[in-house]
Amino acid sequence: FPERVPWVRYGGTYKDLSINLIWPGKDPASGADSIGTIPSALVTYAAIQALQPDLIINAGTTGGFKAKGASIGDIFIISGCAFHDRRIPIPGFDLYGVGLRKAFDTPNLIKELNLKGAAIAYVADLLKVPAIFVKAVTNIVDGDKPIVEEFLENLAAVADALDPAVEQVVNFINGNSLSEL
C-alpha cells in the first residue's frame, strides 16, 4: 500500500486459501475509524491493484427494514448494493447516482438487497473482481428506536455474531471454484 495511508493488512493461509484481511484503519485527522464510501473505495482499489485477488468478501454491519422481515442480528449474503443517499436527478445520471451493482452470484448462499457496500461493489465491478457481501443487521431503519442509539446498543454483539458467519462463508469457498458458489 502507499506510504502514509492508515490502511491495515493481515495476510496468511487458511486451509487451501490465501487470505488478506484489509481494514481502512483510523482517519489520521480525526482518529475515528475510516468508515464510509471514500475509504472503502480507496482501500478496495489499492488492494485489488496490489494483491490481484480472485474474490473479495466484504463483511460488516448494516441497517435492516422491519417491513422486509429483518431483525437485529440477522445475517445476509447480499445480492446487490446501491447508494441510498446519492441521487442525481438529471436524465442519464439518475441510475449512475444510485450506483446499483449486482454482487457476485452465489446461488448456493442466501441473498438479500443491501444499501451499503456500493463503493466496494463499484470498484470490484469496474476491475472485474467478484465480490461477496456478508452483512449483519445492527439496527432497524423503519423501527421505533433512534437508528444511532440502536446501532450503538447492538454493534458489539452483532459483530461477534458476524465472525462465525464469515468463517462459514470462507469454509464454503474453500475447495470450490467460483462457479460452484
C-alpha atoms as a PDB file:
ATOM      1  CA  PHE A   1       0.000   0.000   0.000  1.00  0.00           C
ATOM      2  CA  PRO A   2       1.118   3.594  -0.426  1.00  0.00           C
ATOM      3  CA  GLU A   3       3.097   5.115   2.417  1.00  0.00           C
ATOM      4  CA  ARG A   4       1.294   7.389   4.874  1.00  0.00           C
ATOM      5  CA  VAL A   5      -2.118   5.743   4.475  1.00  0.00           C
ATOM      6  CA  PRO A   6      -3.675   4.254   7.619  1.00  0.00           C
ATOM      7  CA  TRP A   7      -4.724   1.011   5.932  1.00  0.00           C
ATOM      8  CA  VAL A   8      -4.017  -2.233   7.755  1.00  0.00           C
ATOM      9  CA  ARG A   9      -3.410  -5.615   6.080  1.00  0.00           C
ATOM     10  CA  TYR A  10      -3.101  -9.019   7.690  1.00  0.00           C
ATOM     11  CA  GLY A  11      -2.174 -11.896   5.387  1.00  0.00           C
ATOM     12  CA  GLY A  12      -1.988 -15.625   5.831  1.00  0.00           C
ATOM     13  CA  THR A  13      -3.188 -19.033   4.760  1.00  0.00           C
ATOM     14  CA  TYR A  14      -6.356 -20.774   5.918  1.00  0.00           C
ATOM     15  CA  LYS A  15      -6.798 -24.327   4.667  1.00  0.00           C
ATOM     16  CA  ASP A  16      -6.161 -24.041   0.897  1.00  0.00           C
ATOM     17  CA  LEU A  17      -6.849 -20.306   0.711  1.00  0.00           C
ATOM     18  CA  SER A  18      -4.512 -17.340   0.709  1.00  0.00           C
ATOM     19  CA  ILE A  19      -6.397 -14.697   2.695  1.00  0.00           C
ATOM     20  CA  ASN A  20      -5.752 -10.996   3.176  1.00  0.00           C
ATOM     21  CA  LEU A  21      -7.791  -9.076   5.749  1.00  0.00           C
ATOM     22  CA  ILE A  22      -7.885  -5.392   4.925  1.00  0.00           C
ATOM     23  CA  TRP A  23      -9.107  -2.647   7.233  1.00  0.00           C
ATOM     24  CA  PRO A  24      -9.110   1.067   6.267  1.00  0.00           C
ATOM     25  CA  GLY A  25      -7.644   1.933   9.685  1.00  0.00           C
ATOM     26  CA  LYS A  26      -8.122   5.136  11.638  1.00  0.00           C
ATOM     27  CA  ASP A  27      -8.557   8.509   9.986  1.00  0.00           C
ATOM     28  CA  PRO A  28      -5.307  10.406  10.664  1.00  0.00           C
ATOM     29  CA  ALA A  29      -7.090  13.753  11.100  1.00  0.00           C
ATOM     30  CA  SER A  30      -9.876  12.688  13.482  1.00  0.00           C
ATOM     31  CA  GLY A  31      -8.732   9.368  14.937  1.00  0.00           C
ATOM     32  CA  ALA A  32     -12.120   7.850  14.079  1.00  0.00           C
ATOM     33  CA  ASP A  33     -12.460   4.555  12.242  1.00  0.00           C
ATOM     34  CA  SER A  34     -12.280   5.167   8.484  1.00  0.00           C
ATOM     35  CA  ILE A  35     -15.809   4.155   7.517  1.00  0.00           C
ATOM     36  CA  GLY A  36     -17.928   5.125   4.553  1.00  0.00           C
ATOM     37  CA  THR A  37     -17.727   5.110   0.803  1.00  0.00           C
ATOM     38  CA  ILE A  38     -14.490   7.022   0.195  1.00  0.00           C
ATOM     39  CA  PRO A  39     -12.191   4.924   2.432  1.00  0.00           C
ATOM     40  CA  SER A  40     -13.951   1.753   1.230  1.00  0.00           C
ATOM     41  CA  ALA A  41     -13.444   2.585  -2.442  1.00  0.00           C
ATOM     42  CA  LEU A  42      -9.832   3.672  -1.978  1.00  0.00           C
ATOM     43  CA  VAL A  43      -8.715   0.660   0.034  1.00  0.00           C
ATOM     44  CA  THR A  44     -10.583  -1.722  -2.293  1.00  0.00           C
ATOM     45  CA  TYR A  45      -8.908  -0.225  -5.361  1.00  0.00           C
ATOM     46  CA  ALA A  46      -5.460  -0.334  -3.744  1.00  0.00           C
ATOM     47  CA  ALA A  47      -5.970  -3.908  -2.514  1.00  0.00           C
ATOM     48  CA  ILE A  48      -7.060  -5.129  -5.952  1.00  0.00           C
ATOM     49  CA  GLN A  49      -4.082  -3.428  -7.594  1.00  0.00           C
ATOM     50  CA  ALA A  50      -1.569  -4.745  -5.044  1.00  0.00           C
ATOM     51  CA  LEU A  51      -2.926  -8.226  -4.348  1.00  0.00           C
ATOM     52  CA  GLN A  52      -4.846  -9.271  -7.505  1.00  0.00           C
ATOM     53  CA  PRO A  53      -7.467 -11.247  -5.521  1.00  0.00           C
ATOM     54  CA  ASP A  54      -9.699 -13.897  -7.067  1.00  0.00           C
ATOM     55  CA  LEU A  55     -12.578 -12.832  -4.810  1.00  0.00           C
ATOM     56  CA  ILE A  56     -13.446 -10.063  -2.358  1.00  0.00           C
ATOM     57  CA  ILE A  57     -15.512 -10.734   0.759  1.00  0.00           C
ATOM     58  CA  ASN A  58     -16.825  -7.592   2.433  1.00  0.00           C
ATOM     59  CA  ALA A  59     -18.088  -8.303   5.941  1.00  0.00           C
ATOM     60  CA  GLY A  60     -19.760  -5.696   8.095  1.00  0.00           C
ATOM     61  CA  THR A  61     -22.913  -4.296   9.574  1.00  0.00           C
ATOM     62  CA  THR A  62     -25.982  -2.781   8.002  1.00  0.00           C
ATOM     63  CA  GLY A  63     -29.381  -1.409   8.835  1.00  0.00           C
ATOM     64  CA  GLY A  64     -32.366  -3.623   8.105  1.00  0.00           C
ATOM     65  CA  PHE A  65     -36.025  -2.994   7.367  1.00  0.00           C
ATOM     66  CA  LYS A  66     -38.736  -4.443   9.606  1.00  0.00           C
ATOM     67  CA  ALA A  67     -41.129  -4.215   6.647  1.00  0.00           C
ATOM     68  CA  LYS A  68     -38.835  -6.619   4.762  1.00  0.00           C
ATOM     69  CA  GLY A  69     -38.648  -9.043   7.698  1.00  0.00           C
ATOM     70  CA  ALA A  70     -35.208  -8.127   9.066  1.00  0.00           C
ATOM     71  CA  SER A  71     -34.384  -8.419  12.758  1.00  0.00           C
ATOM     72  CA  ILE A  72     -31.387  -7.362  14.837  1.00  0.00           C
ATOM     73  CA  GLY A  73     -28.611  -9.931  14.421  1.00  0.00           C
ATOM     74  CA  ASP A  74     -29.866 -11.361  11.123  1.00  0.00           C
ATOM     75  CA  ILE A  75     -27.015 -12.155   8.754  1.00  0.00           C
ATOM     76  CA  PHE A  76     -27.414 -11.861   4.995  1.00  0.00           C
ATOM     77  CA  ILE A  77     -25.426 -12.699   1.898  1.00  0.00           C
ATOM     78  CA  ILE A  78     -26.157  -9.649  -0.232  1.00  0.00           C
ATOM     79  CA  SER A  79     -27.266  -9.896  -3.869  1.00  0.00           C
ATOM     80  CA  GLY A  80     -26.831  -6.232  -4.766  1.00  0.00           C
ATOM     81  CA  CYS A  81     -25.560  -2.903  -3.474  1.00  0.00           C
ATOM     82  CA  ALA A  82     -26.714   0.659  -4.058  1.00  0.00           C
ATOM     83  CA  PHE A  83     -26.009   4.095  -2.648  1.00  0.00           C
ATOM     84  CA  HIS A  84     -29.054   5.132  -0.616  1.00  0.00           C
ATOM     85  CA  ASP A  85     -28.130   8.807  -0.370  1.00  0.00           C
ATOM     86  CA  ARG A  86     -26.601   9.693  -3.741  1.00  0.00           C
ATOM     87  CA  ARG A  87     -29.340  10.764  -6.086  1.00  0.00           C
ATOM     88  CA  ILE A  88     -28.666  12.796  -9.215  1.00  0.00           C
ATOM     89  CA  PRO A  89     -31.998  13.986 -10.681  1.00  0.00           C
ATOM     90  CA  ILE A  90     -30.581  14.537 -14.184  1.00  0.00           C
ATOM     91  CA  PRO A  91     -31.679  12.310 -17.086  1.00  0.00           C
ATOM     92  CA  GLY A  92     -28.976   9.749 -17.780  1.00  0.00           C
ATOM     93  CA  PHE A  93     -27.308  10.298 -14.399  1.00  0.00           C
ATOM     94  CA  ASP A  94     -30.078   9.004 -12.123  1.00  0.00           C
ATOM     95  CA  LEU A  95     -29.082   5.317 -12.366  1.00  0.00           C
ATOM     96  CA  TYR A  96     -25.398   6.202 -12.166  1.00  0.00           C
ATOM     97  CA  GLY A  97     -26.054   8.164  -8.977  1.00  0.00           C
ATOM     98  CA  VAL A  98     -27.818   5.295  -7.258  1.00  0.00           C
ATOM     99  CA  GLY A  99     -24.969   3.058  -8.408  1.00  0.00           C
ATOM    100  CA  LEU A 100     -26.833  -0.243  -8.259  1.00  0.00           C
ATOM    101  CA  ARG A 101     -24.325  -3.063  -8.680  1.00  0.00           C
ATOM    102  CA  LYS A 102     -25.064  -6.765  -8.607  1.00  0.00           C
ATOM    103  CA  ALA A 103     -22.911  -8.738  -6.207  1.00  0.00           C
ATOM    104  CA  PHE A 104     -21.229 -11.950  -7.340  1.00  0.00           C
ATOM    105  CA  ASP A 105     -23.936 -14.523  -7.986  1.00  0.00           C
ATOM    106  CA  THR A 106     -23.870 -17.178  -5.264  1.00  0.00           C
ATOM    107  CA  PRO A 107     -26.980 -19.303  -5.820  1.00  0.00           C
ATOM    108  CA  ASN A 108     -25.931 -21.664  -3.048  1.00  0.00           C
ATOM    109  CA  LEU A 109     -25.992 -18.909  -0.410  1.00  0.00           C
ATOM    110  CA  ILE A 110     -28.890 -16.787   0.934  1.00  0.00           C
ATOM    111  CA  LYS A 111     -29.458 -13.464  -0.862  1.00  0.00           C
ATOM    112  CA  GLU A 112     -30.894 -10.081   0.089  1.00  0.00           C
ATOM    113  CA  LEU A 113     -30.521  -6.493  -1.174  1.00  0.00           C
ATOM    114  CA  ASN A 114     -28.122  -4.240   0.718  1.00  0.00           C
ATOM    115  CA  LEU A 115     -27.918  -0.455   0.748  1.00  0.00           C
ATOM    116  CA  LYS A 116     -24.289  -0.384   1.875  1.00  0.00           C
ATOM    117  CA  GLY A 117     -21.118  -1.610   0.260  1.00  0.00           C
ATOM    118  CA  ALA A 118     -21.907   0.171  -3.002  1.00  0.00           C
ATOM    119  CA  ALA A 119     -18.461   1.777  -3.180  1.00  0.00           C
ATOM    120  CA  ILE A 120     -16.754  -1.599  -2.863  1.00  0.00           C
ATOM    121  CA  ALA A 121     -19.148  -3.138  -5.387  1.00  0.00           C
ATOM    122  CA  TYR A 122     -18.448  -0.274  -7.809  1.00  0.00           C
ATOM    123  CA  VAL A 123     -14.665  -0.769  -7.676  1.00  0.00           C
ATOM    124  CA  ALA A 124     -14.908  -4.578  -7.787  1.00  0.00           C
ATOM    125  CA  ASP A 125     -17.257  -4.406 -10.779  1.00  0.00           C
ATOM    126  CA  LEU A 126     -15.066  -1.848 -12.550  1.00  0.00           C
ATOM    127  CA  LEU A 127     -11.972  -4.043 -12.124  1.00  0.00           C
ATOM    128  CA  LYS A 128     -13.893  -7.298 -12.776  1.00  0.00           C
ATOM    129  CA  VAL A 129     -13.211  -8.921  -9.402  1.00  0.00           C
ATOM    130  CA  PRO A 130     -16.140 -10.886  -7.950  1.00  0.00           C
ATOM    131  CA  ALA A 131     -17.350  -9.618  -4.569  1.00  0.00           C
ATOM    132  CA  ILE A 132     -19.490 -11.230  -1.875  1.00  0.00           C
ATOM    133  CA  PHE A 133     -21.063  -9.134   0.879  1.00  0.00           C
ATOM    134  CA  VAL A 134     -21.822 -10.653   4.296  1.00  0.00           C
ATOM    135  CA  LYS A 135     -23.811  -8.205   6.424  1.00  0.00           C
ATOM    136  CA  ALA A 136     -25.274  -8.380   9.924  1.00  0.00           C
ATOM    137  CA  VAL A 137     -28.205  -6.179  10.969  1.00  0.00           C
ATOM    138  CA  THR A 138     -27.388  -3.758  13.821  1.00  0.00           C
ATOM    139  CA  ASN A 139     -30.420  -1.503  13.621  1.00  0.00           C
ATOM    140  CA  ILE A 140     -33.907  -1.381  12.144  1.00  0.00           C
ATOM    141  CA  VAL A 141     -34.262   1.573   9.801  1.00  0.00           C
ATOM    142  CA  ASP A 142     -38.067   1.612   9.928  1.00  0.00           C
ATOM    143  CA  GLY A 143     -38.232   0.668  13.614  1.00  0.00           C
ATOM    144  CA  ASP A 144     -39.254   2.568  16.737  1.00  0.00           C
ATOM    145  CA  LYS A 145     -35.801   3.279  18.215  1.00  0.00           C
ATOM    146  CA  PRO A 146     -33.491   6.051  17.029  1.00  0.00           C
ATOM    147  CA  ILE A 147     -31.071   4.493  14.494  1.00  0.00           C
ATOM    148  CA  VAL A 148     -27.842   5.683  16.143  1.00  0.00           C
ATOM    149  CA  GLU A 149     -28.947   4.534  19.599  1.00  0.00           C
ATOM    150  CA  GLU A 150     -29.959   1.103  18.325  1.00  0.00           C
ATOM    151  CA  PHE A 151     -26.757   0.753  16.261  1.00  0.00           C
ATOM    152  CA  LEU A 152     -24.505   1.537  19.228  1.00  0.00           C
ATOM    153  CA  GLU A 153     -26.529  -0.719  21.519  1.00  0.00           C
ATOM    154  CA  ASN A 154     -26.159  -3.732  19.203  1.00  0.00           C
ATOM    155  CA  LEU A 155     -22.805  -3.233  17.452  1.00  0.00           C
ATOM    156  CA  ALA A 156     -20.584  -5.385  19.695  1.00  0.00           C
ATOM    157  CA  ALA A 157     -22.943  -8.377  19.894  1.00  0.00           C
ATOM    158  CA  VAL A 158     -23.764  -8.285  16.185  1.00  0.00           C
ATOM    159  CA  ALA A 159     -20.074  -8.008  15.248  1.00  0.00           C
ATOM    160  CA  ASP A 160     -19.352 -11.061  17.424  1.00  0.00           C
ATOM    161  CA  ALA A 161     -22.132 -12.978  15.641  1.00  0.00           C
ATOM    162  CA  LEU A 162     -20.705 -11.970  12.256  1.00  0.00           C
ATOM    163  CA  ASP A 163     -17.379 -13.755  12.878  1.00  0.00           C
ATOM    164  CA  PRO A 164     -18.695 -17.342  12.702  1.00  0.00           C
ATOM    165  CA  ALA A 165     -20.867 -16.426   9.704  1.00  0.00           C
ATOM    166  CA  VAL A 166     -17.824 -15.181   7.786  1.00  0.00           C
ATOM    167  CA  GLU A 167     -15.940 -18.314   8.801  1.00  0.00           C
ATOM    168  CA  GLN A 168     -18.796 -20.419   7.372  1.00  0.00           C
ATOM    169  CA  VAL A 169     -18.595 -18.485   4.089  1.00  0.00           C
ATOM    170  CA  VAL A 170     -14.815 -18.956   3.901  1.00  0.00           C
ATOM    171  CA  ASN A 171     -15.171 -22.674   4.667  1.00  0.00           C
ATOM    172  CA  PHE A 172     -17.793 -22.970   1.925  1.00  0.00           C
ATOM    173  CA  ILE A 173     -15.497 -21.209  -0.558  1.00  0.00           C
ATOM    174  CA  ASN A 174     -12.526 -23.436   0.307  1.00  0.00           C
ATOM    175  CA  GLY A 175     -12.291 -26.250  -2.207  1.00  0.00           C
ATOM    176  CA  ASN A 176     -14.969 -24.806  -4.508  1.00  0.00           C
ATOM    177  CA  SER A 177     -14.435 -22.954  -7.754  1.00  0.00           C
ATOM    178  CA  LEU A 178     -16.108 -19.574  -8.223  1.00  0.00           C
ATOM    179  CA  SER A 179     -18.717 -21.197 -10.465  1.00  0.00           C
ATOM    180  CA  GLU A 180     -19.690 -23.544  -7.612  1.00  0.00           C
ATOM    181  CA  LEU A 181     -20.538 -20.734  -5.212  1.00  0.00           C
END
